[in-house]
N, C-alpha and C. Protein backbone atom coordinates (compact mmCIF):
# COMPACT_ATOMS: atom_id res chain seq x y z
N MET A 1 -23.32 -64.72 62.98
CA MET A 1 -24.68 -64.35 62.62
C MET A 1 -25.23 -65.39 61.66
N ASN A 2 -26.44 -65.81 61.90
CA ASN A 2 -27.14 -66.73 61.03
C ASN A 2 -27.29 -66.11 59.65
N SER A 3 -27.17 -66.90 58.60
CA SER A 3 -27.20 -66.35 57.24
C SER A 3 -28.54 -65.73 56.87
N ARG A 4 -29.66 -66.29 57.30
CA ARG A 4 -30.98 -65.76 56.93
C ARG A 4 -31.17 -64.32 57.44
N PRO A 5 -30.94 -64.03 58.72
CA PRO A 5 -31.09 -62.64 59.16
C PRO A 5 -30.12 -61.69 58.46
N ALA A 6 -28.89 -62.14 58.20
CA ALA A 6 -27.92 -61.28 57.52
C ALA A 6 -28.43 -60.92 56.12
N LEU A 7 -28.93 -61.90 55.39
CA LEU A 7 -29.46 -61.64 54.06
C LEU A 7 -30.68 -60.72 54.11
N GLU A 8 -31.52 -60.90 55.11
CA GLU A 8 -32.71 -60.05 55.25
C GLU A 8 -32.31 -58.60 55.53
N ILE A 9 -31.30 -58.39 56.35
CA ILE A 9 -30.83 -57.03 56.65
C ILE A 9 -30.27 -56.37 55.39
N VAL A 10 -29.45 -57.10 54.64
CA VAL A 10 -28.88 -56.55 53.41
C VAL A 10 -29.99 -56.30 52.39
N GLU A 11 -30.93 -57.20 52.26
CA GLU A 11 -32.05 -57.01 51.33
C GLU A 11 -32.85 -55.76 51.70
N ARG A 12 -33.10 -55.57 52.98
CA ARG A 12 -33.85 -54.39 53.43
C ARG A 12 -33.07 -53.12 53.08
N TYR A 13 -31.79 -53.11 53.34
CA TYR A 13 -30.94 -51.96 53.03
C TYR A 13 -30.97 -51.65 51.53
N LEU A 14 -30.75 -52.66 50.70
CA LEU A 14 -30.74 -52.44 49.26
C LEU A 14 -32.09 -51.94 48.75
N ASN A 15 -33.17 -52.45 49.32
CA ASN A 15 -34.50 -51.96 48.93
C ASN A 15 -34.68 -50.49 49.28
N ILE A 16 -34.21 -50.09 50.45
CA ILE A 16 -34.32 -48.68 50.85
C ILE A 16 -33.52 -47.80 49.90
N VAL A 17 -32.29 -48.19 49.61
CA VAL A 17 -31.39 -47.36 48.81
C VAL A 17 -31.69 -47.43 47.32
N LEU A 18 -32.12 -48.58 46.83
CA LEU A 18 -32.25 -48.77 45.39
C LEU A 18 -33.68 -48.80 44.86
N VAL A 19 -34.68 -49.05 45.69
CA VAL A 19 -36.01 -49.27 45.16
C VAL A 19 -37.06 -48.30 45.72
N GLU A 20 -37.11 -48.14 47.03
CA GLU A 20 -38.25 -47.49 47.66
C GLU A 20 -38.41 -46.01 47.34
N ASN A 21 -37.31 -45.31 47.05
CA ASN A 21 -37.39 -43.89 46.69
C ASN A 21 -38.19 -43.11 47.74
N ASN A 22 -37.85 -43.34 49.01
CA ASN A 22 -38.58 -42.72 50.13
C ASN A 22 -37.63 -41.92 51.02
N HIS A 23 -36.67 -41.23 50.40
CA HIS A 23 -35.73 -40.34 51.10
C HIS A 23 -34.89 -41.07 52.15
N GLY A 24 -34.69 -42.38 51.99
CA GLY A 24 -33.85 -43.12 52.92
C GLY A 24 -34.56 -43.53 54.20
N LYS A 25 -35.88 -43.36 54.25
CA LYS A 25 -36.62 -43.72 55.45
C LYS A 25 -36.38 -45.20 55.78
N GLY A 26 -36.00 -45.47 57.01
CA GLY A 26 -35.73 -46.82 57.46
C GLY A 26 -34.25 -47.14 57.58
N LEU A 27 -33.39 -46.29 57.02
CA LEU A 27 -31.95 -46.56 57.13
C LEU A 27 -31.48 -46.58 58.58
N GLU A 28 -32.10 -45.76 59.41
CA GLU A 28 -31.70 -45.72 60.82
C GLU A 28 -31.90 -47.07 61.50
N ASP A 29 -32.74 -47.93 60.93
CA ASP A 29 -32.98 -49.25 61.50
C ASP A 29 -31.99 -50.31 61.03
N VAL A 30 -31.23 -50.03 59.95
CA VAL A 30 -30.33 -51.04 59.41
C VAL A 30 -28.86 -50.65 59.45
N LEU A 31 -28.55 -49.38 59.70
CA LEU A 31 -27.16 -48.94 59.74
C LEU A 31 -26.72 -48.61 61.16
N THR A 32 -25.45 -48.90 61.48
CA THR A 32 -24.90 -48.45 62.74
C THR A 32 -24.64 -46.94 62.63
N GLU A 33 -24.57 -46.25 63.75
CA GLU A 33 -24.30 -44.80 63.72
C GLU A 33 -22.95 -44.51 63.10
N ASP A 34 -21.97 -45.42 63.32
CA ASP A 34 -20.62 -45.20 62.78
C ASP A 34 -20.40 -45.95 61.45
N PHE A 35 -21.47 -46.14 60.72
CA PHE A 35 -21.45 -46.78 59.40
C PHE A 35 -20.40 -46.13 58.51
N VAL A 36 -19.57 -46.96 57.86
CA VAL A 36 -18.53 -46.49 56.95
C VAL A 36 -18.89 -46.93 55.54
N PHE A 37 -18.93 -45.97 54.61
CA PHE A 37 -19.30 -46.23 53.22
C PHE A 37 -18.15 -45.85 52.30
N ASP A 38 -17.94 -46.65 51.25
CA ASP A 38 -16.87 -46.36 50.30
C ASP A 38 -17.27 -46.89 48.93
N ASP A 39 -17.29 -46.01 47.94
CA ASP A 39 -17.43 -46.40 46.54
C ASP A 39 -16.62 -45.42 45.70
N PRO A 40 -16.50 -45.64 44.40
CA PRO A 40 -15.65 -44.75 43.59
C PRO A 40 -16.11 -43.29 43.56
N PHE A 41 -17.33 -43.02 43.99
CA PHE A 41 -17.89 -41.67 43.86
C PHE A 41 -18.14 -40.97 45.19
N GLY A 42 -17.92 -41.66 46.30
CA GLY A 42 -18.16 -41.02 47.58
C GLY A 42 -17.76 -41.89 48.75
N LYS A 43 -17.57 -41.21 49.86
CA LYS A 43 -17.22 -41.89 51.10
C LYS A 43 -18.01 -41.24 52.23
N ALA A 44 -18.22 -41.99 53.29
CA ALA A 44 -18.89 -41.46 54.48
C ALA A 44 -18.38 -42.23 55.69
N SER A 45 -18.30 -41.54 56.83
CA SER A 45 -17.82 -42.20 58.05
C SER A 45 -18.88 -42.22 59.15
N SER A 46 -20.14 -41.98 58.77
CA SER A 46 -21.25 -42.13 59.70
C SER A 46 -22.53 -42.31 58.88
N ALA A 47 -23.55 -42.86 59.52
CA ALA A 47 -24.84 -43.02 58.85
C ALA A 47 -25.40 -41.66 58.44
N ARG A 48 -25.24 -40.68 59.30
CA ARG A 48 -25.74 -39.33 59.01
C ARG A 48 -25.05 -38.73 57.78
N GLU A 49 -23.72 -38.87 57.73
CA GLU A 49 -22.97 -38.35 56.59
C GLU A 49 -23.36 -39.09 55.31
N PHE A 50 -23.54 -40.41 55.40
CA PHE A 50 -23.95 -41.19 54.24
C PHE A 50 -25.29 -40.70 53.71
N LEU A 51 -26.25 -40.53 54.58
CA LEU A 51 -27.57 -40.08 54.15
C LEU A 51 -27.48 -38.68 53.53
N GLY A 52 -26.71 -37.79 54.13
CA GLY A 52 -26.56 -36.45 53.59
C GLY A 52 -25.90 -36.44 52.23
N ASN A 53 -24.87 -37.27 52.05
CA ASN A 53 -24.15 -37.32 50.78
C ASN A 53 -24.88 -38.10 49.71
N SER A 54 -25.76 -39.01 50.10
CA SER A 54 -26.38 -39.94 49.15
C SER A 54 -27.83 -39.63 48.84
N GLN A 55 -28.39 -38.58 49.43
CA GLN A 55 -29.81 -38.31 49.29
C GLN A 55 -30.25 -38.24 47.83
N ARG A 56 -29.47 -37.55 47.01
CA ARG A 56 -29.86 -37.44 45.59
C ARG A 56 -29.88 -38.81 44.91
N TRP A 57 -28.88 -39.64 45.21
CA TRP A 57 -28.83 -40.98 44.63
C TRP A 57 -29.98 -41.84 45.14
N ILE A 58 -30.25 -41.77 46.44
CA ILE A 58 -31.34 -42.56 47.02
C ILE A 58 -32.67 -42.18 46.37
N ASP A 59 -32.84 -40.90 46.06
CA ASP A 59 -34.10 -40.43 45.48
C ASP A 59 -34.17 -40.58 43.96
N THR A 60 -33.08 -41.01 43.31
CA THR A 60 -33.08 -41.22 41.86
C THR A 60 -33.80 -42.53 41.57
N PRO A 61 -34.84 -42.50 40.73
CA PRO A 61 -35.54 -43.74 40.40
C PRO A 61 -34.60 -44.75 39.73
N LYS A 62 -34.65 -45.97 40.21
CA LYS A 62 -33.84 -47.04 39.67
C LYS A 62 -34.45 -48.38 40.07
N SER A 63 -34.00 -49.42 39.46
CA SER A 63 -34.42 -50.75 39.83
C SER A 63 -33.17 -51.62 39.92
N PHE A 64 -33.30 -52.76 40.58
CA PHE A 64 -32.13 -53.64 40.63
C PHE A 64 -32.56 -55.09 40.57
N GLN A 65 -31.62 -55.91 40.10
CA GLN A 65 -31.84 -57.34 40.01
C GLN A 65 -30.66 -58.04 40.66
N MET A 66 -30.94 -58.75 41.74
CA MET A 66 -29.91 -59.50 42.44
C MET A 66 -29.49 -60.69 41.59
N GLU A 67 -28.19 -60.89 41.47
CA GLU A 67 -27.70 -62.05 40.73
C GLU A 67 -27.21 -63.14 41.66
N LYS A 68 -26.39 -62.77 42.66
CA LYS A 68 -25.87 -63.75 43.61
C LYS A 68 -25.55 -63.06 44.93
N GLN A 69 -25.57 -63.83 46.00
CA GLN A 69 -25.11 -63.35 47.30
C GLN A 69 -24.29 -64.44 47.95
N PHE A 70 -23.24 -64.00 48.64
CA PHE A 70 -22.35 -64.91 49.35
C PHE A 70 -22.20 -64.41 50.78
N ILE A 71 -22.12 -65.33 51.72
CA ILE A 71 -21.95 -64.96 53.12
C ILE A 71 -20.66 -65.59 53.64
N ASP A 72 -19.87 -64.77 54.33
CA ASP A 72 -18.65 -65.23 54.97
C ASP A 72 -18.59 -64.59 56.34
N GLY A 73 -18.94 -65.33 57.36
CA GLY A 73 -18.96 -64.78 58.72
C GLY A 73 -19.95 -63.64 58.83
N ASN A 74 -19.44 -62.46 59.15
CA ASN A 74 -20.33 -61.30 59.32
C ASN A 74 -20.35 -60.41 58.06
N GLN A 75 -19.89 -60.96 56.93
CA GLN A 75 -19.90 -60.19 55.68
C GLN A 75 -20.84 -60.83 54.66
N VAL A 76 -21.52 -59.96 53.92
CA VAL A 76 -22.39 -60.40 52.83
C VAL A 76 -21.92 -59.70 51.56
N CYS A 77 -21.67 -60.49 50.54
CA CYS A 77 -21.27 -59.96 49.23
C CYS A 77 -22.46 -60.15 48.29
N SER A 78 -22.90 -59.06 47.68
CA SER A 78 -24.03 -59.09 46.74
C SER A 78 -23.53 -58.69 45.36
N VAL A 79 -23.93 -59.43 44.36
CA VAL A 79 -23.63 -59.13 42.97
C VAL A 79 -24.95 -58.82 42.31
N TYR A 80 -25.10 -57.61 41.78
CA TYR A 80 -26.38 -57.22 41.21
C TYR A 80 -26.22 -56.21 40.09
N ARG A 81 -27.30 -55.96 39.42
CA ARG A 81 -27.35 -55.00 38.32
C ARG A 81 -28.44 -53.99 38.64
N ILE A 82 -28.11 -52.72 38.44
CA ILE A 82 -29.13 -51.69 38.58
C ILE A 82 -29.41 -51.07 37.22
N ASP A 83 -30.63 -50.65 37.03
CA ASP A 83 -31.02 -49.87 35.87
C ASP A 83 -31.41 -48.51 36.39
N VAL A 84 -30.80 -47.47 35.82
CA VAL A 84 -31.04 -46.11 36.28
C VAL A 84 -31.22 -45.21 35.07
N THR A 85 -32.07 -44.21 35.21
CA THR A 85 -32.26 -43.24 34.15
C THR A 85 -31.26 -42.11 34.34
N THR A 86 -30.49 -41.83 33.31
CA THR A 86 -29.47 -40.79 33.36
C THR A 86 -30.12 -39.41 33.29
N PRO A 87 -29.37 -38.36 33.63
CA PRO A 87 -29.93 -37.01 33.52
C PRO A 87 -30.43 -36.67 32.11
N SER A 88 -29.87 -37.33 31.09
CA SER A 88 -30.32 -37.07 29.72
C SER A 88 -31.55 -37.89 29.35
N GLY A 89 -32.03 -38.73 30.30
CA GLY A 89 -33.25 -39.50 30.08
C GLY A 89 -33.05 -40.89 29.51
N VAL A 90 -31.81 -41.31 29.35
CA VAL A 90 -31.50 -42.63 28.82
C VAL A 90 -31.40 -43.61 29.99
N LYS A 91 -31.96 -44.80 29.83
CA LYS A 91 -31.85 -45.83 30.87
C LYS A 91 -30.60 -46.66 30.60
N VAL A 92 -29.75 -46.80 31.64
CA VAL A 92 -28.52 -47.58 31.51
C VAL A 92 -28.48 -48.65 32.60
N GLY A 93 -27.78 -49.73 32.31
CA GLY A 93 -27.57 -50.79 33.28
C GLY A 93 -26.16 -50.71 33.85
N VAL A 94 -26.03 -50.98 35.13
CA VAL A 94 -24.74 -50.90 35.82
C VAL A 94 -24.56 -52.16 36.66
N ASP A 95 -23.43 -52.83 36.48
CA ASP A 95 -23.13 -54.04 37.26
C ASP A 95 -22.30 -53.66 38.47
N LEU A 96 -22.70 -54.18 39.64
CA LEU A 96 -22.07 -53.83 40.91
C LEU A 96 -21.78 -55.07 41.75
N VAL A 97 -20.76 -54.93 42.58
CA VAL A 97 -20.48 -55.88 43.65
C VAL A 97 -20.45 -55.06 44.92
N ASP A 98 -21.17 -55.51 45.91
CA ASP A 98 -21.37 -54.77 47.14
C ASP A 98 -20.98 -55.67 48.31
N VAL A 99 -20.05 -55.24 49.13
CA VAL A 99 -19.63 -56.02 50.30
C VAL A 99 -20.01 -55.25 51.55
N VAL A 100 -20.83 -55.86 52.38
CA VAL A 100 -21.22 -55.21 53.64
C VAL A 100 -20.76 -56.05 54.81
N GLU A 101 -20.46 -55.35 55.89
CA GLU A 101 -20.07 -56.00 57.14
C GLU A 101 -21.15 -55.68 58.16
N LEU A 102 -21.58 -56.70 58.88
CA LEU A 102 -22.63 -56.52 59.88
C LEU A 102 -22.07 -56.59 61.29
N ARG A 103 -22.67 -55.80 62.17
CA ARG A 103 -22.32 -55.81 63.59
C ARG A 103 -23.62 -55.62 64.37
N ALA A 104 -23.91 -56.54 65.26
CA ALA A 104 -25.11 -56.44 66.10
C ALA A 104 -26.36 -56.25 65.25
N SER A 105 -26.50 -57.06 64.19
CA SER A 105 -27.68 -57.06 63.31
C SER A 105 -27.90 -55.75 62.57
N ARG A 106 -26.83 -54.99 62.36
CA ARG A 106 -26.89 -53.77 61.56
C ARG A 106 -25.67 -53.72 60.64
N ILE A 107 -25.78 -52.95 59.58
CA ILE A 107 -24.67 -52.81 58.65
C ILE A 107 -23.70 -51.75 59.18
N SER A 108 -22.44 -52.13 59.34
CA SER A 108 -21.45 -51.19 59.87
C SER A 108 -20.50 -50.68 58.79
N LYS A 109 -20.34 -51.44 57.70
CA LYS A 109 -19.45 -51.03 56.61
C LYS A 109 -20.04 -51.48 55.29
N GLU A 110 -19.76 -50.68 54.26
CA GLU A 110 -20.14 -51.06 52.90
C GLU A 110 -19.08 -50.57 51.93
N LYS A 111 -18.66 -51.45 51.04
CA LYS A 111 -17.74 -51.11 49.95
C LYS A 111 -18.42 -51.55 48.67
N VAL A 112 -18.56 -50.61 47.72
CA VAL A 112 -19.23 -50.89 46.46
C VAL A 112 -18.22 -50.82 45.32
N TYR A 113 -18.22 -51.84 44.48
CA TYR A 113 -17.34 -51.92 43.32
C TYR A 113 -18.18 -51.86 42.05
N PHE A 114 -17.89 -50.90 41.19
CA PHE A 114 -18.58 -50.76 39.91
C PHE A 114 -17.77 -51.50 38.85
N ALA A 115 -18.45 -52.25 37.99
CA ALA A 115 -17.76 -52.95 36.91
C ALA A 115 -17.07 -51.95 35.99
N ASN A 116 -17.70 -50.80 35.76
CA ASN A 116 -17.13 -49.78 34.89
C ASN A 116 -17.47 -48.39 35.43
N PRO A 117 -16.72 -47.92 36.43
CA PRO A 117 -17.05 -46.62 37.03
C PRO A 117 -16.90 -45.45 36.07
N VAL A 118 -15.97 -45.55 35.14
CA VAL A 118 -15.78 -44.46 34.18
C VAL A 118 -17.02 -44.31 33.30
N GLN A 119 -17.55 -45.42 32.80
CA GLN A 119 -18.75 -45.37 31.97
C GLN A 119 -19.95 -44.85 32.77
N PHE A 120 -20.06 -45.28 34.03
CA PHE A 120 -21.16 -44.80 34.86
C PHE A 120 -21.06 -43.30 35.06
N ALA A 121 -19.87 -42.80 35.37
CA ALA A 121 -19.68 -41.36 35.56
C ALA A 121 -20.02 -40.60 34.27
N LYS A 122 -19.62 -41.14 33.15
CA LYS A 122 -19.94 -40.52 31.85
C LYS A 122 -21.46 -40.50 31.63
N ASP A 123 -22.11 -41.65 31.83
CA ASP A 123 -23.55 -41.75 31.63
C ASP A 123 -24.33 -40.80 32.54
N MET A 124 -23.82 -40.62 33.77
CA MET A 124 -24.54 -39.79 34.74
C MET A 124 -24.16 -38.31 34.65
N GLY A 125 -23.21 -37.98 33.77
CA GLY A 125 -22.88 -36.59 33.52
C GLY A 125 -21.86 -35.96 34.46
N PHE A 126 -21.04 -36.79 35.14
CA PHE A 126 -20.02 -36.21 36.01
C PHE A 126 -18.65 -36.83 35.78
N LEU A 127 -18.36 -37.16 34.52
CA LEU A 127 -17.09 -37.78 34.19
C LEU A 127 -15.90 -36.88 34.53
N SER A 128 -15.96 -35.60 34.19
CA SER A 128 -14.82 -34.71 34.45
C SER A 128 -14.54 -34.60 35.95
N VAL A 129 -15.58 -34.56 36.76
CA VAL A 129 -15.41 -34.49 38.22
C VAL A 129 -14.79 -35.79 38.72
N TYR A 130 -15.22 -36.91 38.19
CA TYR A 130 -14.69 -38.20 38.60
C TYR A 130 -13.22 -38.34 38.23
N LEU A 131 -12.85 -37.88 37.03
CA LEU A 131 -11.47 -38.04 36.55
C LEU A 131 -10.51 -36.98 37.12
N GLU A 132 -11.03 -35.92 37.71
CA GLU A 132 -10.19 -34.83 38.22
C GLU A 132 -9.04 -35.29 39.13
N PRO A 133 -9.29 -36.16 40.11
CA PRO A 133 -8.18 -36.58 40.98
C PRO A 133 -7.09 -37.36 40.24
N PHE A 134 -7.40 -37.87 39.06
CA PHE A 134 -6.44 -38.65 38.28
C PHE A 134 -5.63 -37.75 37.34
N GLY A 135 -5.89 -36.44 37.36
CA GLY A 135 -5.16 -35.51 36.52
C GLY A 135 -5.59 -35.49 35.08
N SER A 136 -6.82 -35.96 34.83
CA SER A 136 -7.32 -35.99 33.44
C SER A 136 -8.32 -34.89 33.21
């Protein structure tokens, strides 16, 4: 895949999920039906499941600033920072690395790495739920 279209697809996806706050409208145009999602706070094995599990996050007002993007074959790695308002009304910054895999000009897989998932869970008010599987 040519790098320009791959970057445009990823940019469109990130805008839908992080900026537009439009209930995920347009995701059907950028995700494969069997889209696989994985981050420290959730997983999904289809575009439908992802949208159902992520609706609250998609609708949470936030902004993001892209720092770098790298392309390797059909994968795009994005390094960016999001600013999100916590349930307590405080604005926090979160550093992320996002790796997506493209197939037939759509995103088929996404893995998101948080620089500090524990702090994010604490800031967003679900630290105990996040730590539960670890026996804490």
